[in-house]
């Protein structure tokens, strides 16, 4: 029993650490902005879709009946970023959150911007943490 508990505690610690950043983008600042605006988030950022599948995101935040999902796009490979955007659209279709936000830590291509618009995703392009904080805070404040 003790070993099982210790293993579960370890998994929880790993889970928290694993969700502290995504593709090098720190998630803590976005969580703080969401908390200040009255949103709650869980350490297991996932939603069960209409398909019955549990869809995972980098952040899932809730305030009343409003749900926001956030995914960070990989910065190193444009093709992987585009595939993650397509994957995100499929997850969003399944879960139907009120707002879906994709974070791009590098300049997004014209195609990615068009895809985000077509998929009805909010795309935040931020080259550094300060830029991300400003743009994310502006977007969250616009929801009130």
Foldseek 3Di string as FASTA:
>chain_A
DVVVVVVVVVVLVVLQVVLQADLPHGCVLLQVLCVVLPKDWDSFAWDQFPVRDTGGASTWIDHVQAIEGEHEANAPDLVSRVVVLVVVLVRCVRHVGPAYEYEYLADHDPVVVVSCVVSVHHYQHHVDNVSCSVVSSVVSVVVD
